Amino acid sequence: MKKSDQIIVQGDKWLRIKDQRIHGTTHEVVSERFERERPSLQALPPRAFDTSWRIYRKV
């Protein structure tokens, strides 16, 4: 098995375990909360945001 395949397998295992935990702030199971919120999620925009633009303000 290639190293990249091992990383994917380990990542999948980690996600399955961590998605079942109780979140410290919401006190809900992470995967259940995600499934409840899934219908409200939207696709990312087709283009990346321009993060080079800056505004400096003097306060």
PDB file of N, CA and C in Angstrom:
ATOM      1  N   MET A   1       0.854  -1.182   0.000  1.00  0.00           N
ATOM      2  CA  MET A   1       0.000   0.000   0.000  1.00  0.00           C
ATOM      3  C   MET A   1       0.896   1.241   0.000  1.00  0.00           C
ATOM      4  N   LYS A   2       0.565   2.203  -0.867  1.00  0.00           N
ATOM      5  CA  LYS A   2       1.339   3.441  -0.928  1.00  0.00           C
ATOM      6  C   LYS A   2       1.063   4.293   0.300  1.00  0.00           C
ATOM      7  N   LYS A   3       2.024   5.155   0.590  1.00  0.00           N
ATOM      8  CA  LYS A   3       1.887   6.021   1.763  1.00  0.00           C
ATOM      9  C   LYS A   3       0.646   6.910   1.653  1.00  0.00           C
ATOM     10  N   SER A   4       0.371   7.426   0.444  1.00  0.00           N
ATOM     11  CA  SER A   4      -0.805   8.289   0.270  1.00  0.00           C
ATOM     12  C   SER A   4      -2.097   7.513   0.534  1.00  0.00           C
ATOM     13  N   ASP A   5      -2.128   6.242   0.148  1.00  0.00           N
ATOM     14  CA  ASP A   5      -3.308   5.412   0.426  1.00  0.00           C
ATOM     15  C   ASP A   5      -3.474   5.184   1.924  1.00  0.00           C
ATOM     16  N   GLN A   6      -2.358   4.990   2.617  1.00  0.00           N
ATOM     17  CA  GLN A   6      -2.406   4.798   4.069  1.00  0.00           C
ATOM     18  C   GLN A   6      -2.943   6.046   4.759  1.00  0.00           C
ATOM     19  N   ILE A   7      -2.531   7.207   4.273  1.00  0.00           N
ATOM     20  CA  ILE A   7      -2.999   8.466   4.863  1.00  0.00           C
ATOM     21  C   ILE A   7      -4.506   8.601   4.680  1.00  0.00           C
ATOM     22  N   ILE A   8      -5.001   8.246   3.512  1.00  0.00           N
ATOM     23  CA  ILE A   8      -6.441   8.329   3.245  1.00  0.00           C
ATOM     24  C   ILE A   8      -7.206   7.379   4.167  1.00  0.00           C
ATOM     25  N   VAL A   9      -6.719   6.154   4.318  1.00  0.00           N
ATOM     26  CA  VAL A   9      -7.372   5.173   5.193  1.00  0.00           C
ATOM     27  C   VAL A   9      -7.377   5.667   6.636  1.00  0.00           C
ATOM     28  N   GLN A  10      -6.243   6.181   7.095  1.00  0.00           N
ATOM     29  CA  GLN A  10      -6.159   6.684   8.468  1.00  0.00           C
ATOM     30  C   GLN A  10      -7.060   7.900   8.665  1.00  0.00           C
ATOM     31  N   GLY A  11      -7.133   8.770   7.649  1.00  0.00           N
ATOM     32  CA  GLY A  11      -7.999   9.944   7.734  1.00  0.00           C
ATOM     33  C   GLY A  11      -9.465   9.559   7.808  1.00  0.00           C
ATOM     34  N   ASP A  12      -9.867   8.584   7.006  1.00  0.00           N
ATOM     35  CA  ASP A  12     -11.252   8.109   7.047  1.00  0.00           C
ATOM     36  C   ASP A  12     -11.597   7.529   8.415  1.00  0.00           C
ATOM     37  N   LYS A  13     -10.677   6.749   8.971  1.00  0.00           N
ATOM     38  CA  LYS A  13     -10.895   6.166  10.300  1.00  0.00           C
ATOM     39  C   LYS A  13     -11.027   7.264  11.344  1.00  0.00           C
ATOM     40  N   TRP A  14     -10.149   8.261  11.285  1.00  0.00           N
ATOM     41  CA  TRP A  14     -10.171   9.372  12.238  1.00  0.00           C
ATOM     42  C   TRP A  14     -11.500  10.114  12.148  1.00  0.00           C
ATOM     43  N   LEU A  15     -11.972  10.382  10.909  1.00  0.00           N
ATOM     44  CA  LEU A  15     -13.237  11.096  10.737  1.00  0.00           C
ATOM     45  C   LEU A  15     -14.416  10.307  11.302  1.00  0.00           C
ATOM     46  N   ARG A  16     -14.439   9.000  11.056  1.00  0.00           N
ATOM     47  CA  ARG A  16     -15.543   8.176  11.588  1.00  0.00           C
ATOM     48  C   ARG A  16     -15.592   8.241  13.110  1.00  0.00           C
ATOM     49  N   ILE A  17     -14.429   8.244  13.742  1.00  0.00           N
ATOM     50  CA  ILE A  17     -14.377   8.302  15.207  1.00  0.00           C
ATOM     51  C   ILE A  17     -14.767   9.692  15.709  1.00  0.00           C
ATOM     52  N   LYS A  18     -14.165  10.716  15.146  1.00  0.00           N
ATOM     53  CA  LYS A  18     -14.380  12.080  15.638  1.00  0.00           C
ATOM     54  C   LYS A  18     -15.773  12.611  15.319  1.00  0.00           C
ATOM     55  N   ASP A  19     -16.388  12.137  14.234  1.00  0.00           N
ATOM     56  CA  ASP A  19     -17.737  12.593  13.898  1.00  0.00           C
ATOM     57  C   ASP A  19     -18.783  12.094  14.889  1.00  0.00           C
ATOM     58  N   GLN A  20     -18.445  11.117  15.710  1.00  0.00           N
ATOM     59  CA  GLN A  20     -19.391  10.572  16.683  1.00  0.00           C
ATOM     60  C   GLN A  20     -19.244  11.202  18.064  1.00  0.00           C
ATOM     61  N   ARG A  21     -18.270  12.084  18.222  1.00  0.00           N
ATOM     62  CA  ARG A  21     -18.027  12.679  19.540  1.00  0.00           C
ATOM     63  C   ARG A  21     -19.046  13.774  19.841  1.00  0.00           C
ATOM     64  N   ILE A  22     -19.169  14.108  21.097  1.00  0.00           N
ATOM     65  CA  ILE A  22     -20.016  15.214  21.541  1.00  0.00           C
ATOM     66  C   ILE A  22     -19.172  16.484  21.474  1.00  0.00           C
ATOM     67  N   HIS A  23     -19.642  17.470  20.728  1.00  0.00           N
ATOM     68  CA  HIS A  23     -18.922  18.735  20.586  1.00  0.00           C
ATOM     69  C   HIS A  23     -18.957  19.494  21.906  1.00  0.00           C
ATOM     70  N   GLY A  24     -17.836  20.074  22.282  1.00  0.00           N
ATOM     71  CA  GLY A  24     -17.716  20.734  23.576  1.00  0.00           C
ATOM     72  C   GLY A  24     -18.585  21.968  23.737  1.00  0.00           C
ATOM     73  N   THR A  25     -18.853  22.690  22.663  1.00  0.00           N
ATOM     74  CA  THR A  25     -19.640  23.918  22.750  1.00  0.00           C
ATOM     75  C   THR A  25     -21.125  23.663  22.523  1.00  0.00           C
ATOM     76  N   THR A  26     -21.445  22.913  21.463  1.00  0.00           N
ATOM     77  CA  THR A  26     -22.855  22.687  21.127  1.00  0.00           C
ATOM     78  C   THR A  26     -23.474  21.540  21.917  1.00  0.00           C
ATOM     79  N   HIS A  27     -22.638  20.671  22.486  1.00  0.00           N
ATOM     80  CA  HIS A  27     -23.094  19.486  23.223  1.00  0.00           C
ATOM     81  C   HIS A  27     -23.968  18.590  22.350  1.00  0.00           C
ATOM     82  N   GLU A  28     -23.609  18.527  21.051  1.00  0.00           N
ATOM     83  CA  GLU A  28     -24.316  17.675  20.101  1.00  0.00           C
ATOM     84  C   GLU A  28     -23.315  16.758  19.417  1.00  0.00           C
ATOM     85  N   VAL A  29     -23.806  15.630  18.902  1.00  0.00           N
ATOM     86  CA  VAL A  29     -22.950  14.742  18.118  1.00  0.00           C
ATOM     87  C   VAL A  29     -22.633  15.458  16.808  1.00  0.00           C
ATOM     88  N   VAL A  30     -21.355  15.523  16.464  1.00  0.00           N
ATOM     89  CA  VAL A  30     -20.892  16.303  15.315  1.00  0.00           C
ATOM     90  C   VAL A  30     -21.588  15.868  14.025  1.00  0.00           C
ATOM     91  N   SER A  31     -21.645  14.571  13.747  1.00  0.00           N
ATOM     92  CA  SER A  31     -22.239  14.096  12.492  1.00  0.00           C
ATOM     93  C   SER A  31     -23.740  14.382  12.424  1.00  0.00           C
ATOM     94  N   GLU A  32     -24.431  14.315  13.546  1.00  0.00           N
ATOM     95  CA  GLU A  32     -25.870  14.616  13.555  1.00  0.00           C
ATOM     96  C   GLU A  32     -26.112  16.089  13.268  1.00  0.00           C
ATOM     97  N   ARG A  33     -25.302  16.954  13.855  1.00  0.00           N
ATOM     98  CA  ARG A  33     -25.435  18.394  13.612  1.00  0.00           C
ATOM     99  C   ARG A  33     -25.173  18.708  12.145  1.00  0.00           C
ATOM    100  N   PHE A  34     -24.132  18.074  11.584  1.00  0.00           N
ATOM    101  CA  PHE A  34     -23.804  18.313  10.181  1.00  0.00           C
ATOM    102  C   PHE A  34     -24.957  17.900   9.271  1.00  0.00           C
ATOM    103  N   GLU A  35     -25.538  16.732   9.513  1.00  0.00           N
ATOM    104  CA  GLU A  35     -26.648  16.269   8.675  1.00  0.00           C
ATOM    105  C   GLU A  35     -27.849  17.201   8.787  1.00  0.00           C
ATOM    106  N   ARG A  36     -28.085  17.749   9.951  1.00  0.00           N
ATOM    107  CA  ARG A  36     -29.203  18.680  10.131  1.00  0.00           C
ATOM    108  C   ARG A  36     -28.952  19.988   9.383  1.00  0.00           C
ATOM    109  N   GLU A  37     -27.687  20.418   9.324  1.00  0.00           N
ATOM    110  CA  GLU A  37     -27.351  21.678   8.665  1.00  0.00           C
ATOM    111  C   GLU A  37     -27.078  21.517   7.170  1.00  0.00           C
ATOM    112  N   ARG A  38     -26.875  20.293   6.693  1.00  0.00           N
ATOM    113  CA  ARG A  38     -26.518  20.048   5.294  1.00  0.00           C
ATOM    114  C   ARG A  38     -27.442  20.750   4.292  1.00  0.00           C
ATOM    115  N   PRO A  39     -28.774  20.734   4.460  1.00  0.00           N
ATOM    116  CA  PRO A  39     -29.642  21.392   3.479  1.00  0.00           C
ATOM    117  C   PRO A  39     -29.390  22.902   3.352  1.00  0.00           C
ATOM    118  N   SER A  40     -28.842  23.521   4.373  1.00  0.00           N
ATOM    119  CA  SER A  40     -28.605  24.967   4.350  1.00  0.00           C
ATOM    120  C   SER A  40     -27.260  25.340   3.731  1.00  0.00           C
ATOM    121  N   LEU A  41     -26.385  24.369   3.535  1.00  0.00           N
ATOM    122  CA  LEU A  41     -25.061  24.664   2.993  1.00  0.00           C
ATOM    123  C   LEU A  41     -25.150  25.007   1.513  1.00  0.00           C
ATOM    124  N   GLN A  42     -24.283  25.884   1.071  1.00  0.00           N
ATOM    125  CA  GLN A  42     -24.247  26.296  -0.330  1.00  0.00           C
ATOM    126  C   GLN A  42     -22.888  25.951  -0.922  1.00  0.00           C
ATOM    127  N   ALA A  43     -22.859  25.837  -2.240  1.00  0.00           N
ATOM    128  CA  ALA A  43     -21.605  25.546  -2.934  1.00  0.00           C
ATOM    129  C   ALA A  43     -20.666  26.744  -2.840  1.00  0.00           C
ATOM    130  N   LEU A  44     -19.386  26.466  -2.884  1.00  0.00           N
ATOM    131  CA  LEU A  44     -18.400  27.544  -2.909  1.00  0.00           C
ATOM    132  C   LEU A  44     -18.470  28.260  -4.249  1.00  0.00           C
ATOM    133  N   PRO A  45     -18.095  29.542  -4.296  1.00  0.00           N
ATOM    134  CA  PRO A  45     -18.100  30.250  -5.572  1.00  0.00           C
ATOM    135  C   PRO A  45     -17.098  29.609  -6.537  1.00  0.00           C
ATOM    136  N   PRO A  46     -17.346  29.737  -7.849  1.00  0.00           N
ATOM    137  CA  PRO A  46     -16.459  29.089  -8.821  1.00  0.00           C
ATOM    138  C   PRO A  46     -15.038  29.653  -8.819  1.00  0.00           C
ATOM    139  N   ARG A  47     -14.882  30.908  -8.407  1.00  0.00           N
ATOM    140  CA  ARG A  47     -13.548  31.517  -8.365  1.00  0.00           C
ATOM    141  C   ARG A  47     -13.149  31.763  -6.919  1.00  0.00           C
ATOM    142  N   ALA A  48     -11.851  31.693  -6.680  1.00  0.00           N
ATOM    143  CA  ALA A  48     -11.337  31.952  -5.333  1.00  0.00           C
ATOM    144  C   ALA A  48     -11.473  33.439  -5.008  1.00  0.00           C
ATOM    145  N   PHE A  49     -11.588  33.748  -3.743  1.00  0.00           N
ATOM    146  CA  PHE A  49     -11.657  35.134  -3.307  1.00  0.00           C
ATOM    147  C   PHE A  49     -10.304  35.803  -3.489  1.00  0.00           C
ATOM    148  N   ASP A  50     -10.323  37.084  -3.841  1.00  0.00           N
ATOM    149  CA  ASP A  50      -9.084  37.853  -3.955  1.00  0.00           C
ATOM    150  C   ASP A  50      -8.705  38.325  -2.555  1.00  0.00           C
ATOM    151  N   THR A  51      -7.688  37.730  -1.997  1.00  0.00           N
ATOM    152  CA  THR A  51      -7.270  38.072  -0.637  1.00  0.00           C
ATOM    153  C   THR A  51      -6.129  39.076  -0.615  1.00  0.00           C
ATOM    154  N   SER A  52      -5.730  39.570  -1.794  1.00  0.00           N
ATOM    155  CA  SER A  52      -4.608  40.514  -1.840  1.00  0.00           C
ATOM    156  C   SER A  52      -5.061  41.951  -1.571  1.00  0.00           C
ATOM    157  N   TRP A  53      -6.354  42.230  -1.685  1.00  0.00           N
ATOM    158  CA  TRP A  53      -6.866  43.581  -1.514  1.00  0.00           C
ATOM    159  C   TRP A  53      -6.961  43.912  -0.034  1.00  0.00           C
ATOM    160  N   ARG A  54      -6.397  45.033   0.356  1.00  0.00           N
ATOM    161  CA  ARG A  54      -6.397  45.417   1.773  1.00  0.00           C
ATOM    162  C   ARG A  54      -6.780  46.888   1.919  1.00  0.00           C
ATOM    163  N   ILE A  55      -7.431  47.182   3.028  1.00  0.00           N
ATOM    164  CA  ILE A  55      -7.758  48.557   3.397  1.00  0.00           C
ATOM    165  C   ILE A  55      -7.189  48.784   4.787  1.00  0.00           C
ATOM    166  N   TYR A  56      -6.426  49.835   4.934  1.00  0.00           N
ATOM    167  CA  TYR A  56      -5.857  50.174   6.237  1.00  0.00           C
ATOM    168  C   TYR A  56      -6.591  51.392   6.772  1.00  0.00           C
ATOM    169  N   ARG A  57      -6.988  51.340   7.997  1.00  0.00           N
ATOM    170  CA  ARG A  57      -7.701  52.453   8.624  1.00  0.00           C
ATOM    171  C   ARG A  57      -6.928  52.928   9.838  1.00  0.00           C
ATOM    172  N   LYS A  58      -6.984  54.219  10.033  1.00  0.00           N
ATOM    173  CA  LYS A  58      -6.342  54.806  11.196  1.00  0.00           C
ATOM    174  C   LYS A  58      -7.429  55.080  12.223  1.00  0.00           C
ATOM    175  N   VAL A  59      -7.262  54.553  13.404  1.00  0.00           N
ATOM    176  CA  VAL A  59      -8.279  54.701  14.452  1.00  0.00           C
ATOM    177  C   VAL A  59      -7.731  55.550  15.565  1.00  0.00           C
TER     178      VAL A  59
END
